[in-house]
Amino acid sequence: MKKIMIILIYITLAIAVKSEEKNNFKNEKIAWGKTVNGLQIGIVIRKQKNADYEVDYYVKNTSSKDIRLHGAGYEAYWKLLFIKEDDKQIFRAIDSDWALEDIDSDDIVLSPTKIKLAANFKIEKDWFFSKDLSYDDYPDDKIKKLSPGEYSIKCTHSSDWKDKTKKYWNGEVSSSIIKSVIEIK
């Protein structure tokens, strides 16, 4: 009887661990966008006391083959956009630390149906915003804070990276929109 009970406990724990591995992000409310070329991206945004926002970028492979995302400088491919609801002005969030250093990150390789946290950061005092939606890290119209109001926030990713030895994901994809109110501080 003890042997059977131990086996049942072991099987129950194994099933619990396996289901947790499948859905590591089940407590996050990820705003997933539409799939493009097998890739889906999503964001989670949390307001913070010591930072305006904490943002997580997630990537998900919805295809049946591995997907490789080029990793040389996330800022070169990702944009965090704030769209003001009243006048539809679009602002790109830019981290001044990224603008000052060339980040060379590893590629992200996603197995089929795999979800991965691609980046996590806090929008704090070293960030600025620009209406320049290009990938220029030194736009002329930098502003430190967005004006108060309602905003739609989304993340986009685009890449046309080519390599002779590796096949990279190419295309443009966007997360769903998250609504937020920016208050006067």
C-alpha atoms as a PDB file:
ATOM      1  CA  MET A   1       0.000   0.000   0.000  1.00  0.00           C
ATOM      2  CA  LYS A   2       2.855   2.420   0.843  1.00  0.00           C
ATOM      3  CA  LYS A   3       4.485   1.631  -2.513  1.00  0.00           C
ATOM      4  CA  ILE A   4       1.290   2.460  -4.401  1.00  0.00           C
ATOM      5  CA  MET A   5       0.881   5.719  -2.444  1.00  0.00           C
ATOM      6  CA  ILE A   6       4.488   6.743  -3.182  1.00  0.00           C
ATOM      7  CA  ILE A   7       4.023   5.968  -6.876  1.00  0.00           C
ATOM      8  CA  LEU A   8       0.797   8.016  -6.987  1.00  0.00           C
ATOM      9  CA  ILE A   9       2.489  10.981  -5.275  1.00  0.00           C
ATOM     10  CA  TYR A  10       5.420  10.742  -7.705  1.00  0.00           C
ATOM     11  CA  ILE A  11       3.090  10.667 -10.748  1.00  0.00           C
ATOM     12  CA  THR A  12       1.077  13.626  -9.399  1.00  0.00           C
ATOM     13  CA  LEU A  13       4.259  15.687  -8.860  1.00  0.00           C
ATOM     14  CA  ALA A  14       5.599  14.753 -12.298  1.00  0.00           C
ATOM     15  CA  ILE A  15       2.355  15.878 -13.960  1.00  0.00           C
ATOM     16  CA  ALA A  16       2.339  19.144 -11.970  1.00  0.00           C
ATOM     17  CA  VAL A  17       5.961  19.920 -12.918  1.00  0.00           C
ATOM     18  CA  LYS A  18       5.303  19.073 -16.593  1.00  0.00           C
ATOM     19  CA  SER A  19       2.242  21.361 -16.787  1.00  0.00           C
ATOM     20  CA  GLU A  20       4.197  24.178 -15.108  1.00  0.00           C
ATOM     21  CA  GLU A  21       7.005  23.773 -17.683  1.00  0.00           C
ATOM     22  CA  LYS A  22       4.487  24.089 -20.521  1.00  0.00           C
ATOM     23  CA  ASN A  23       3.082  27.388 -19.252  1.00  0.00           C
ATOM     24  CA  ASN A  24       5.759  29.288 -17.316  1.00  0.00           C
ATOM     25  CA  PHE A  25       3.939  32.575 -17.890  1.00  0.00           C
ATOM     26  CA  LYS A  26       0.428  31.533 -16.850  1.00  0.00           C
ATOM     27  CA  ASN A  27       0.225  34.268 -14.177  1.00  0.00           C
ATOM     28  CA  GLU A  28       1.079  37.025 -16.653  1.00  0.00           C
ATOM     29  CA  LYS A  29      -1.654  38.695 -18.703  1.00  0.00           C
ATOM     30  CA  ILE A  30       0.282  38.907 -21.938  1.00  0.00           C
ATOM     31  CA  ALA A  31      -1.185  41.134 -24.671  1.00  0.00           C
ATOM     32  CA  TRP A  32      -0.479  38.900 -27.683  1.00  0.00           C
ATOM     33  CA  GLY A  33      -0.682  40.309 -31.199  1.00  0.00           C
ATOM     34  CA  LYS A  34      -1.390  38.505 -34.458  1.00  0.00           C
ATOM     35  CA  THR A  35       1.017  35.869 -35.769  1.00  0.00           C
ATOM     36  CA  VAL A  36       3.283  36.849 -38.684  1.00  0.00           C
ATOM     37  CA  ASN A  37       5.468  34.207 -40.362  1.00  0.00           C
ATOM     38  CA  GLY A  38       5.079  31.935 -37.327  1.00  0.00           C
ATOM     39  CA  LEU A  39       6.102  34.602 -34.773  1.00  0.00           C
ATOM     40  CA  GLN A  40       3.815  36.199 -32.221  1.00  0.00           C
ATOM     41  CA  ILE A  41       4.894  38.912 -29.774  1.00  0.00           C
ATOM     42  CA  GLY A  42       3.254  40.135 -26.617  1.00  0.00           C
ATOM     43  CA  ILE A  43       3.867  42.607 -23.838  1.00  0.00           C
ATOM     44  CA  VAL A  44       3.136  42.947 -20.172  1.00  0.00           C
ATOM     45  CA  ILE A  45       3.265  46.442 -18.697  1.00  0.00           C
ATOM     46  CA  ARG A  46       3.246  47.133 -14.981  1.00  0.00           C
ATOM     47  CA  LYS A  47       3.209  50.599 -13.390  1.00  0.00           C
ATOM     48  CA  GLN A  48       5.938  50.985 -10.765  1.00  0.00           C
ATOM     49  CA  LYS A  49       6.519  53.357  -7.857  1.00  0.00           C
ATOM     50  CA  ASN A  50      10.168  54.076  -8.733  1.00  0.00           C
ATOM     51  CA  ALA A  51       9.731  53.836 -12.525  1.00  0.00           C
ATOM     52  CA  ASP A  52       7.002  54.920 -14.876  1.00  0.00           C
ATOM     53  CA  TYR A  53       6.595  51.412 -16.284  1.00  0.00           C
ATOM     54  CA  GLU A  54       8.175  47.996 -16.204  1.00  0.00           C
ATOM     55  CA  VAL A  55       7.844  46.278 -19.569  1.00  0.00           C
ATOM     56  CA  ASP A  56       8.303  42.638 -20.600  1.00  0.00           C
ATOM     57  CA  TYR A  57       8.551  41.617 -24.273  1.00  0.00           C
ATOM     58  CA  TYR A  58       7.573  38.014 -24.999  1.00  0.00           C
ATOM     59  CA  VAL A  59       8.049  36.034 -28.192  1.00  0.00           C
ATOM     60  CA  LYS A  60       6.173  32.884 -29.165  1.00  0.00           C
ATOM     61  CA  ASN A  61       6.751  30.432 -32.001  1.00  0.00           C
ATOM     62  CA  THR A  62       3.394  29.341 -33.431  1.00  0.00           C
ATOM     63  CA  SER A  63       4.941  27.422 -36.344  1.00  0.00           C
ATOM     64  CA  SER A  64       6.116  23.817 -36.622  1.00  0.00           C
ATOM     65  CA  LYS A  65       9.798  24.763 -37.194  1.00  0.00           C
ATOM     66  CA  ASP A  66      12.443  26.597 -35.146  1.00  0.00           C
ATOM     67  CA  ILE A  67      12.483  30.395 -35.506  1.00  0.00           C
ATOM     68  CA  ARG A  68      15.720  32.393 -35.137  1.00  0.00           C
ATOM     69  CA  LEU A  69      15.613  36.088 -34.214  1.00  0.00           C
ATOM     70  CA  HIS A  70      18.761  38.132 -34.760  1.00  0.00           C
ATOM     71  CA  GLY A  71      20.102  39.367 -31.427  1.00  0.00           C
ATOM     72  CA  ALA A  72      22.633  42.096 -32.278  1.00  0.00           C
ATOM     73  CA  GLY A  73      21.059  45.005 -30.449  1.00  0.00           C
ATOM     74  CA  TYR A  74      17.442  44.551 -29.445  1.00  0.00           C
ATOM     75  CA  GLU A  75      16.850  48.270 -29.888  1.00  0.00           C
ATOM     76  CA  ALA A  76      17.544  47.858 -33.585  1.00  0.00           C
ATOM     77  CA  TYR A  77      14.482  45.650 -34.044  1.00  0.00           C
ATOM     78  CA  TRP A  78      12.047  46.420 -31.209  1.00  0.00           C
ATOM     79  CA  LYS A  79       9.965  49.556 -30.732  1.00  0.00           C
ATOM     80  CA  LEU A  80       7.809  50.449 -27.751  1.00  0.00           C
ATOM     81  CA  LEU A  81       5.174  52.909 -28.974  1.00  0.00           C
ATOM     82  CA  PHE A  82       2.873  55.222 -26.985  1.00  0.00           C
ATOM     83  CA  ILE A  83      -0.108  56.501 -29.009  1.00  0.00           C
ATOM     84  CA  LYS A  84      -1.920  59.446 -27.410  1.00  0.00           C
ATOM     85  CA  GLU A  85      -5.670  58.836 -27.602  1.00  0.00           C
ATOM     86  CA  ASP A  86      -6.874  62.446 -28.033  1.00  0.00           C
ATOM     87  CA  ASP A  87      -4.668  63.489 -30.972  1.00  0.00           C
ATOM     88  CA  LYS A  88      -3.223  60.113 -32.139  1.00  0.00           C
ATOM     89  CA  GLN A  89       0.377  61.348 -31.864  1.00  0.00           C
ATOM     90  CA  ILE A  90       2.822  58.414 -31.736  1.00  0.00           C
ATOM     91  CA  PHE A  91       5.914  58.459 -29.519  1.00  0.00           C
ATOM     92  CA  ARG A  92       8.731  55.918 -29.471  1.00  0.00           C
ATOM     93  CA  ALA A  93      10.326  55.139 -26.092  1.00  0.00           C
ATOM     94  CA  ILE A  94      14.136  55.157 -26.215  1.00  0.00           C
ATOM     95  CA  ASP A  95      16.558  54.032 -23.514  1.00  0.00           C
ATOM     96  CA  SER A  96      19.503  56.438 -23.400  1.00  0.00           C
ATOM     97  CA  ASP A  97      21.741  53.586 -22.179  1.00  0.00           C
ATOM     98  CA  TRP A  98      20.999  51.708 -25.406  1.00  0.00           C
ATOM     99  CA  ALA A  99      21.765  54.839 -27.360  1.00  0.00           C
ATOM    100  CA  LEU A 100      25.168  55.109 -25.694  1.00  0.00           C
ATOM    101  CA  GLU A 101      26.336  51.517 -26.085  1.00  0.00           C
ATOM    102  CA  ASP A 102      26.210  48.967 -28.858  1.00  0.00           C
ATOM    103  CA  ILE A 103      24.460  45.910 -27.450  1.00  0.00           C
ATOM    104  CA  ASP A 104      25.475  42.598 -29.007  1.00  0.00           C
ATOM    105  CA  SER A 105      23.098  39.953 -27.693  1.00  0.00           C
ATOM    106  CA  ASP A 106      22.796  36.315 -28.612  1.00  0.00           C
ATOM    107  CA  ASP A 107      20.260  35.232 -31.176  1.00  0.00           C
ATOM    108  CA  ILE A 108      16.958  33.940 -29.826  1.00  0.00           C
ATOM    109  CA  VAL A 109      16.057  30.500 -31.149  1.00  0.00           C
ATOM    110  CA  LEU A 110      12.483  29.428 -30.453  1.00  0.00           C
ATOM    111  CA  SER A 111      11.327  25.838 -30.739  1.00  0.00           C
ATOM    112  CA  PRO A 112       7.771  25.256 -31.984  1.00  0.00           C
ATOM    113  CA  THR A 113       5.097  26.384 -29.462  1.00  0.00           C
ATOM    114  CA  LYS A 114       7.805  27.845 -27.184  1.00  0.00           C
ATOM    115  CA  ILE A 115       7.278  31.134 -25.301  1.00  0.00           C
ATOM    116  CA  LYS A 116      10.322  33.155 -24.191  1.00  0.00           C
ATOM    117  CA  LEU A 117      10.856  36.417 -22.328  1.00  0.00           C
ATOM    118  CA  ALA A 118      12.891  38.405 -24.860  1.00  0.00           C
ATOM    119  CA  ALA A 119      13.538  41.517 -22.751  1.00  0.00           C
ATOM    120  CA  ASN A 120      12.617  43.193 -19.465  1.00  0.00           C
ATOM    121  CA  PHE A 121      13.300  46.818 -18.596  1.00  0.00           C
ATOM    122  CA  LYS A 122      12.045  49.774 -16.584  1.00  0.00           C
ATOM    123  CA  ILE A 123      11.218  53.087 -18.213  1.00  0.00           C
ATOM    124  CA  GLU A 124      12.907  55.468 -15.785  1.00  0.00           C
ATOM    125  CA  LYS A 125      14.669  58.831 -15.778  1.00  0.00           C
ATOM    126  CA  ASP A 126      17.285  57.722 -18.348  1.00  0.00           C
ATOM    127  CA  TRP A 127      14.589  57.145 -20.985  1.00  0.00           C
ATOM    128  CA  PHE A 128      13.223  59.677 -23.423  1.00  0.00           C
ATOM    129  CA  PHE A 129      10.526  59.787 -26.110  1.00  0.00           C
ATOM    130  CA  SER A 130      10.498  60.879 -29.737  1.00  0.00           C
ATOM    131  CA  LYS A 131       8.041  61.293 -32.610  1.00  0.00           C
ATOM    132  CA  ASP A 132      10.842  60.004 -34.860  1.00  0.00           C
ATOM    133  CA  LEU A 133       9.716  56.399 -35.426  1.00  0.00           C
ATOM    134  CA  SER A 134      12.893  55.350 -37.253  1.00  0.00           C
ATOM    135  CA  TYR A 135      15.561  53.355 -35.461  1.00  0.00           C
ATOM    136  CA  ASP A 136      17.671  56.475 -34.865  1.00  0.00           C
ATOM    137  CA  ASP A 137      18.941  56.484 -31.259  1.00  0.00           C
ATOM    138  CA  TYR A 138      19.736  60.208 -31.417  1.00  0.00           C
ATOM    139  CA  PRO A 139      16.572  61.916 -32.729  1.00  0.00           C
ATOM    140  CA  ASP A 140      16.405  65.721 -32.740  1.00  0.00           C
ATOM    141  CA  ASP A 141      13.026  65.920 -30.982  1.00  0.00           C
ATOM    142  CA  LYS A 142      13.811  64.144 -27.685  1.00  0.00           C
ATOM    143  CA  ILE A 143      11.406  64.784 -24.806  1.00  0.00           C
ATOM    144  CA  LYS A 144      11.812  63.498 -21.228  1.00  0.00           C
ATOM    145  CA  LYS A 145       8.167  62.960 -20.310  1.00  0.00           C
ATOM    146  CA  LEU A 146       4.944  62.363 -22.154  1.00  0.00           C
ATOM    147  CA  SER A 147       2.102  64.782 -21.539  1.00  0.00           C
ATOM    148  CA  PRO A 148      -0.686  63.493 -19.265  1.00  0.00           C
ATOM    149  CA  GLY A 149      -3.556  61.634 -20.878  1.00  0.00           C
ATOM    150  CA  GLU A 150      -4.767  58.288 -22.154  1.00  0.00           C
ATOM    151  CA  TYR A 151      -2.365  56.248 -24.268  1.00  0.00           C
ATOM    152  CA  SER A 152      -2.437  53.032 -26.233  1.00  0.00           C
ATOM    153  CA  ILE A 153       0.855  51.176 -25.803  1.00  0.00           C
ATOM    154  CA  LYS A 154       2.188  48.456 -28.080  1.00  0.00           C
ATOM    155  CA  CYS A 155       5.421  46.758 -28.998  1.00  0.00           C
ATOM    156  CA  THR A 156       6.555  46.135 -32.573  1.00  0.00           C
ATOM    157  CA  HIS A 157       9.349  44.016 -33.988  1.00  0.00           C
ATOM    158  CA  SER A 158      10.710  44.079 -37.520  1.00  0.00           C
ATOM    159  CA  SER A 159      13.702  42.481 -39.146  1.00  0.00           C
ATOM    160  CA  ASP A 160      15.096  41.862 -42.595  1.00  0.00           C
ATOM    161  CA  TRP A 161      18.385  40.340 -41.364  1.00  0.00           C
ATOM    162  CA  LYS A 162      20.124  38.087 -43.902  1.00  0.00           C
ATOM    163  CA  ASP A 163      22.935  35.603 -43.317  1.00  0.00           C
ATOM    164  CA  LYS A 164      24.556  33.037 -45.610  1.00  0.00           C
ATOM    165  CA  THR A 165      24.798  30.326 -42.942  1.00  0.00           C
ATOM    166  CA  LYS A 166      21.679  30.862 -40.790  1.00  0.00           C
ATOM    167  CA  LYS A 167      18.030  31.424 -41.655  1.00  0.00           C
ATOM    168  CA  TYR A 168      16.522  34.309 -39.661  1.00  0.00           C
ATOM    169  CA  TRP A 169      12.895  35.278 -39.142  1.00  0.00           C
ATOM    170  CA  ASN A 170      11.944  38.280 -41.284  1.00  0.00           C
ATOM    171  CA  GLY A 171       8.865  40.463 -41.239  1.00  0.00           C
ATOM    172  CA  GLU A 172       6.971  42.984 -39.107  1.00  0.00           C
ATOM    173  CA  VAL A 173       4.869  41.929 -36.127  1.00  0.00           C
ATOM    174  CA  SER A 174       3.073  43.803 -33.343  1.00  0.00           C
ATOM    175  CA  SER A 175       1.695  43.054 -29.893  1.00  0.00           C
ATOM    176  CA  SER A 176      -1.873  43.868 -28.970  1.00  0.00           C
ATOM    177  CA  ILE A 177      -2.527  47.318 -27.535  1.00  0.00           C
ATOM    178  CA  ILE A 178      -2.601  48.013 -23.808  1.00  0.00           C
ATOM    179  CA  LYS A 179      -4.468  51.124 -22.622  1.00  0.00           C
ATOM    180  CA  SER A 180      -2.908  53.267 -19.890  1.00  0.00           C
ATOM    181  CA  VAL A 181      -3.300  56.698 -18.330  1.00  0.00           C
ATOM    182  CA  ILE A 182      -0.220  58.836 -17.786  1.00  0.00           C
ATOM    183  CA  GLU A 183      -0.638  61.220 -14.881  1.00  0.00           C
ATOM    184  CA  ILE A 184       1.194  64.404 -13.922  1.00  0.00           C
ATOM    185  CA  LYS A 185       4.124  63.672 -11.573  1.00  0.00           C
END
